Amino acid sequence: MRDSHPVTPDGRYFVVKGRLWRRTNPALPEDQVKARVAQLMDARRRLARKSLSDEERAAAHAQVDDAKRALGERGDVWWDDGAPDLNRHMAKNTVYAEWFGGLSEPQ
């Protein structure tokens, strides 16, 4: 992830254009993260092709979803304190509003 995206104080999300995006589970072993990121990027490269059949496109989307779930970016949350999943919420409308409002540049 690029350093230009702020990360919430608890490390659960990064912010792009004011929206929260769930981060990869930090407890995952590095080799597992690398393998799943490779799977994710492979599927995204396939999705960039214009000549995919409907079946190929659906399979690539399923591969993206599988990788993101394995990374902890979708599906069940990777934290265990009962906090809700705020993935894709606007930061200004969440418990992170004060933190987000204090950032020096609009994100």
N, C-alpha and C. Protein backbone atom coordinates (compact mmCIF):
# COMPACT_ATOMS: atom_id res chain seq x y z
N MET A 1 0.85 -1.18 0.00
CA MET A 1 0.00 0.00 0.00
C MET A 1 0.89 1.23 0.00
N ARG A 2 0.49 2.23 -0.71
CA ARG A 2 1.26 3.47 -0.78
C ARG A 2 1.15 4.24 0.52
N ASP A 3 2.23 4.96 0.83
CA ASP A 3 2.27 5.75 2.06
C ASP A 3 1.33 6.94 2.00
N SER A 4 0.84 7.29 0.83
CA SER A 4 -0.01 8.48 0.70
C SER A 4 -1.41 8.28 1.28
N HIS A 5 -1.77 7.06 1.59
CA HIS A 5 -3.09 6.79 2.15
C HIS A 5 -2.98 6.70 3.67
N PRO A 6 -3.71 7.55 4.38
CA PRO A 6 -3.64 7.48 5.84
C PRO A 6 -4.28 6.19 6.36
N VAL A 7 -3.73 5.71 7.46
CA VAL A 7 -4.21 4.50 8.11
C VAL A 7 -4.84 4.90 9.43
N THR A 8 -6.00 4.33 9.74
CA THR A 8 -6.68 4.65 10.99
C THR A 8 -5.77 4.30 12.18
N PRO A 9 -5.95 4.99 13.28
CA PRO A 9 -5.09 4.75 14.45
C PRO A 9 -5.04 3.29 14.91
N ASP A 10 -6.13 2.55 14.71
CA ASP A 10 -6.14 1.14 15.13
C ASP A 10 -5.59 0.20 14.06
N GLY A 11 -5.23 0.74 12.89
CA GLY A 11 -4.62 -0.05 11.82
C GLY A 11 -5.57 -0.92 11.04
N ARG A 12 -6.87 -0.73 11.21
CA ARG A 12 -7.83 -1.60 10.53
C ARG A 12 -8.15 -1.15 9.10
N TYR A 13 -8.05 0.14 8.85
CA TYR A 13 -8.46 0.68 7.55
C TYR A 13 -7.43 1.67 7.04
N PHE A 14 -7.43 1.86 5.72
CA PHE A 14 -6.77 3.01 5.12
C PHE A 14 -7.86 3.80 4.43
N VAL A 15 -7.57 5.06 4.12
CA VAL A 15 -8.58 5.96 3.58
C VAL A 15 -8.19 6.40 2.18
N VAL A 16 -9.13 6.27 1.24
CA VAL A 16 -8.96 6.77 -0.13
C VAL A 16 -10.20 7.58 -0.46
N LYS A 17 -9.99 8.85 -0.81
CA LYS A 17 -11.09 9.75 -1.16
C LYS A 17 -12.16 9.76 -0.07
N GLY A 18 -11.72 9.73 1.18
CA GLY A 18 -12.62 9.82 2.31
C GLY A 18 -13.29 8.52 2.72
N ARG A 19 -13.03 7.45 1.97
CA ARG A 19 -13.69 6.17 2.23
C ARG A 19 -12.72 5.20 2.92
N LEU A 20 -13.25 4.46 3.90
CA LEU A 20 -12.46 3.46 4.61
C LEU A 20 -12.39 2.16 3.81
N TRP A 21 -11.19 1.60 3.74
CA TRP A 21 -10.98 0.31 3.09
C TRP A 21 -10.23 -0.59 4.06
N ARG A 22 -10.76 -1.77 4.29
CA ARG A 22 -10.16 -2.69 5.25
C ARG A 22 -8.77 -3.13 4.80
N ARG A 23 -7.85 -3.14 5.74
CA ARG A 23 -6.48 -3.56 5.47
C ARG A 23 -6.34 -5.07 5.61
N THR A 24 -5.25 -5.58 5.09
CA THR A 24 -4.92 -6.98 5.21
C THR A 24 -4.69 -7.34 6.68
N ASN A 25 -5.10 -8.51 7.06
CA ASN A 25 -4.91 -9.00 8.43
C ASN A 25 -3.41 -9.03 8.75
N PRO A 26 -2.96 -8.25 9.72
CA PRO A 26 -1.53 -8.20 10.03
C PRO A 26 -1.00 -9.47 10.67
N ALA A 27 -1.87 -10.38 11.09
CA ALA A 27 -1.43 -11.63 11.72
C ALA A 27 -1.10 -12.71 10.70
N LEU A 28 -1.41 -12.47 9.42
CA LEU A 28 -1.13 -13.49 8.40
C LEU A 28 0.37 -13.61 8.15
N PRO A 29 0.85 -14.83 7.94
CA PRO A 29 2.26 -15.02 7.60
C PRO A 29 2.59 -14.35 6.26
N GLU A 30 3.77 -13.80 6.17
CA GLU A 30 4.18 -13.05 4.97
C GLU A 30 4.08 -13.89 3.70
N ASP A 31 4.44 -15.17 3.77
CA ASP A 31 4.38 -16.01 2.57
C ASP A 31 2.94 -16.19 2.10
N GLN A 32 2.00 -16.27 3.03
CA GLN A 32 0.59 -16.38 2.68
C GLN A 32 0.10 -15.08 2.04
N VAL A 33 0.51 -13.96 2.58
CA VAL A 33 0.12 -12.66 2.01
C VAL A 33 0.65 -12.55 0.59
N LYS A 34 1.93 -12.87 0.39
CA LYS A 34 2.52 -12.78 -0.95
C LYS A 34 1.79 -13.66 -1.95
N ALA A 35 1.46 -14.88 -1.55
CA ALA A 35 0.76 -15.80 -2.45
C ALA A 35 -0.62 -15.28 -2.81
N ARG A 36 -1.34 -14.76 -1.84
CA ARG A 36 -2.69 -14.26 -2.10
C ARG A 36 -2.67 -12.96 -2.90
N VAL A 37 -1.69 -12.11 -2.65
CA VAL A 37 -1.57 -10.89 -3.46
C VAL A 37 -1.24 -11.26 -4.90
N ALA A 38 -0.40 -12.25 -5.11
CA ALA A 38 -0.09 -12.72 -6.47
C ALA A 38 -1.36 -13.24 -7.14
N GLN A 39 -2.18 -14.00 -6.40
CA GLN A 39 -3.45 -14.50 -6.93
C GLN A 39 -4.36 -13.34 -7.30
N LEU A 40 -4.43 -12.35 -6.43
CA LEU A 40 -5.28 -11.18 -6.65
C LEU A 40 -4.84 -10.43 -7.91
N MET A 41 -3.55 -10.18 -8.03
CA MET A 41 -3.05 -9.42 -9.18
C MET A 41 -3.22 -10.21 -10.49
N ASP A 42 -3.05 -11.52 -10.43
CA ASP A 42 -3.27 -12.35 -11.61
C ASP A 42 -4.72 -12.21 -12.08
N ALA A 43 -5.64 -12.30 -11.15
CA ALA A 43 -7.06 -12.18 -11.52
C ALA A 43 -7.36 -10.79 -12.06
N ARG A 44 -6.79 -9.76 -11.46
CA ARG A 44 -7.04 -8.40 -11.95
C ARG A 44 -6.45 -8.19 -13.34
N ARG A 45 -5.30 -8.79 -13.62
CA ARG A 45 -4.74 -8.69 -14.98
C ARG A 45 -5.67 -9.36 -15.98
N ARG A 46 -6.22 -10.51 -15.60
CA ARG A 46 -7.17 -11.17 -16.50
C ARG A 46 -8.41 -10.33 -16.72
N LEU A 47 -8.89 -9.68 -15.68
CA LEU A 47 -10.08 -8.84 -15.81
C LEU A 47 -9.84 -7.62 -16.70
N ALA A 48 -8.60 -7.22 -16.83
CA ALA A 48 -8.28 -6.07 -17.67
C ALA A 48 -8.38 -6.39 -19.16
N ARG A 49 -8.38 -7.65 -19.48
CA ARG A 49 -8.50 -8.05 -20.89
C ARG A 49 -9.93 -7.82 -21.38
N LYS A 50 -10.02 -7.38 -22.59
CA LYS A 50 -11.34 -7.09 -23.16
C LYS A 50 -12.00 -8.34 -23.76
N SER A 51 -11.21 -9.36 -24.05
CA SER A 51 -11.75 -10.51 -24.79
C SER A 51 -12.14 -11.69 -23.90
N LEU A 52 -12.48 -11.44 -22.65
CA LEU A 52 -12.89 -12.53 -21.77
C LEU A 52 -14.33 -12.95 -22.04
N SER A 53 -14.56 -14.24 -21.95
CA SER A 53 -15.94 -14.73 -22.03
C SER A 53 -16.61 -14.43 -20.69
N ASP A 54 -17.92 -14.56 -20.65
CA ASP A 54 -18.65 -14.35 -19.40
C ASP A 54 -18.17 -15.31 -18.32
N GLU A 55 -17.90 -16.55 -18.70
CA GLU A 55 -17.42 -17.55 -17.75
C GLU A 55 -16.03 -17.19 -17.22
N GLU A 56 -15.14 -16.74 -18.11
CA GLU A 56 -13.79 -16.35 -17.68
C GLU A 56 -13.83 -15.14 -16.77
N ARG A 57 -14.69 -14.20 -17.10
CA ARG A 57 -14.83 -12.99 -16.26
C ARG A 57 -15.37 -13.37 -14.88
N ALA A 58 -16.37 -14.23 -14.83
CA ALA A 58 -16.93 -14.67 -13.54
C ALA A 58 -15.87 -15.41 -12.71
N ALA A 59 -15.07 -16.24 -13.35
CA ALA A 59 -14.02 -16.98 -12.64
C ALA A 59 -12.97 -16.01 -12.09
N ALA A 60 -12.61 -15.00 -12.85
CA ALA A 60 -11.62 -14.02 -12.38
C ALA A 60 -12.18 -13.22 -11.21
N HIS A 61 -13.44 -12.82 -11.27
CA HIS A 61 -14.08 -12.11 -10.16
C HIS A 61 -14.10 -12.99 -8.90
N ALA A 62 -14.40 -14.27 -9.09
CA ALA A 62 -14.40 -15.20 -7.95
C ALA A 62 -13.01 -15.33 -7.35
N GLN A 63 -11.98 -15.32 -8.20
CA GLN A 63 -10.60 -15.41 -7.72
C GLN A 63 -10.23 -14.16 -6.93
N VAL A 64 -10.66 -12.98 -7.39
CA VAL A 64 -10.42 -11.74 -6.65
C VAL A 64 -11.09 -11.84 -5.28
N ASP A 65 -12.34 -12.25 -5.25
CA ASP A 65 -13.07 -12.35 -3.99
C ASP A 65 -12.40 -13.35 -3.05
N ASP A 66 -11.97 -14.48 -3.56
CA ASP A 66 -11.31 -15.49 -2.74
C ASP A 66 -10.02 -14.94 -2.13
N ALA A 67 -9.23 -14.25 -2.93
CA ALA A 67 -7.97 -13.68 -2.42
C ALA A 67 -8.23 -12.62 -1.37
N LYS A 68 -9.19 -11.74 -1.61
CA LYS A 68 -9.47 -10.67 -0.66
C LYS A 68 -10.03 -11.22 0.65
N ARG A 69 -10.83 -12.27 0.58
CA ARG A 69 -11.32 -12.91 1.81
C ARG A 69 -10.17 -13.56 2.57
N ALA A 70 -9.27 -14.24 1.86
CA ALA A 70 -8.13 -14.89 2.51
C ALA A 70 -7.20 -13.86 3.15
N LEU A 71 -7.12 -12.67 2.58
CA LEU A 71 -6.29 -11.60 3.14
C LEU A 71 -6.98 -10.89 4.31
N GLY A 72 -8.27 -11.13 4.49
CA GLY A 72 -9.01 -10.47 5.56
C GLY A 72 -9.61 -9.14 5.16
N GLU A 73 -9.56 -8.82 3.87
CA GLU A 73 -10.07 -7.55 3.38
C GLU A 73 -11.57 -7.59 3.10
N ARG A 74 -12.13 -8.78 3.06
CA ARG A 74 -13.58 -9.00 2.89
C ARG A 74 -13.98 -10.12 3.83
N GLY A 75 -15.28 -10.29 3.99
CA GLY A 75 -15.78 -11.37 4.82
C GLY A 75 -15.69 -11.02 6.30
N ASP A 76 -15.50 -12.04 7.10
CA ASP A 76 -15.42 -11.83 8.55
C ASP A 76 -14.23 -10.94 8.88
N VAL A 77 -14.42 -10.07 9.87
CA VAL A 77 -13.33 -9.17 10.28
C VAL A 77 -12.23 -9.97 10.97
N TRP A 78 -11.02 -9.45 10.95
CA TRP A 78 -9.89 -10.15 11.56
C TRP A 78 -9.62 -9.69 13.00
N TRP A 79 -10.34 -8.71 13.48
CA TRP A 79 -10.17 -8.30 14.87
C TRP A 79 -11.25 -8.98 15.72
N ASP A 80 -11.00 -9.03 17.04
CA ASP A 80 -11.90 -9.80 17.88
C ASP A 80 -12.49 -9.01 19.05
N ASP A 81 -12.53 -7.69 18.92
CA ASP A 81 -13.07 -6.89 20.04
C ASP A 81 -14.54 -6.51 19.85
N GLY A 82 -15.18 -7.07 18.82
CA GLY A 82 -16.59 -6.81 18.60
C GLY A 82 -16.90 -5.54 17.82
N ALA A 83 -15.87 -4.80 17.43
CA ALA A 83 -16.10 -3.57 16.64
C ALA A 83 -16.70 -3.94 15.28
N PRO A 84 -17.63 -3.13 14.80
CA PRO A 84 -18.27 -3.45 13.53
C PRO A 84 -17.32 -3.24 12.35
N ASP A 85 -17.69 -3.83 11.23
CA ASP A 85 -16.94 -3.64 10.00
C ASP A 85 -17.44 -2.36 9.33
N LEU A 86 -16.55 -1.41 9.13
CA LEU A 86 -16.92 -0.14 8.50
C LEU A 86 -16.33 -0.03 7.11
N ASN A 87 -15.95 -1.15 6.53
CA ASN A 87 -15.38 -1.16 5.18
C ASN A 87 -16.31 -0.45 4.21
N ARG A 88 -15.74 0.42 3.43
CA ARG A 88 -16.43 1.21 2.39
C ARG A 88 -17.28 2.35 2.93
N HIS A 89 -17.32 2.54 4.24
CA HIS A 89 -18.04 3.68 4.80
C HIS A 89 -17.21 4.95 4.63
N MET A 90 -17.88 6.07 4.57
CA MET A 90 -17.17 7.35 4.55
C MET A 90 -16.64 7.60 5.96
N ALA A 91 -15.36 7.90 6.07
CA ALA A 91 -14.71 8.08 7.37
C ALA A 91 -15.42 9.15 8.21
N LYS A 92 -15.89 10.20 7.57
CA LYS A 92 -16.52 11.30 8.30
C LYS A 92 -17.83 10.90 8.97
N ASN A 93 -18.38 9.74 8.61
CA ASN A 93 -19.64 9.26 9.18
C ASN A 93 -19.44 8.10 10.14
N THR A 94 -18.23 7.94 10.65
CA THR A 94 -17.91 6.79 11.50
C THR A 94 -17.24 7.25 12.79
N VAL A 95 -16.85 6.29 13.60
CA VAL A 95 -16.11 6.58 14.83
C VAL A 95 -14.75 7.21 14.54
N TYR A 96 -14.33 7.19 13.30
CA TYR A 96 -13.05 7.79 12.90
C TYR A 96 -13.20 9.24 12.45
N ALA A 97 -14.38 9.82 12.58
CA ALA A 97 -14.64 11.16 12.06
C ALA A 97 -13.70 12.21 12.65
N GLU A 98 -13.50 12.20 13.95
CA GLU A 98 -12.64 13.21 14.57
C GLU A 98 -11.20 13.04 14.08
N TRP A 99 -10.72 11.82 14.06
CA TRP A 99 -9.37 11.54 13.56
C TRP A 99 -9.25 12.01 12.11
N PHE A 100 -10.22 11.64 11.28
CA PHE A 100 -10.18 11.98 9.86
C PHE A 100 -10.23 13.50 9.68
N GLY A 101 -11.08 14.17 10.45
CA GLY A 101 -11.17 15.63 10.36
C GLY A 101 -9.89 16.33 10.75
N GLY A 102 -9.05 15.68 11.53
CA GLY A 102 -7.80 16.28 11.96
C GLY A 102 -6.64 16.07 11.01
N LEU A 103 -6.86 15.33 9.91
CA LEU A 103 -5.78 15.14 8.95
C LEU A 103 -5.48 16.44 8.25
N SER A 104 -4.23 16.66 7.92
CA SER A 104 -3.81 17.95 7.37
C SER A 104 -4.27 18.18 5.94
N GLU A 105 -4.44 17.10 5.16
CA GLU A 105 -4.88 17.24 3.78
C GLU A 105 -6.12 16.41 3.54
N PRO A 106 -7.00 16.86 2.66
CA PRO A 106 -8.17 16.03 2.32
C PRO A 106 -7.69 14.72 1.70
N GLN A 107 -8.30 13.64 2.09
CA GLN A 107 -7.90 12.32 1.59
C GLN A 107 -8.98 11.74 0.74
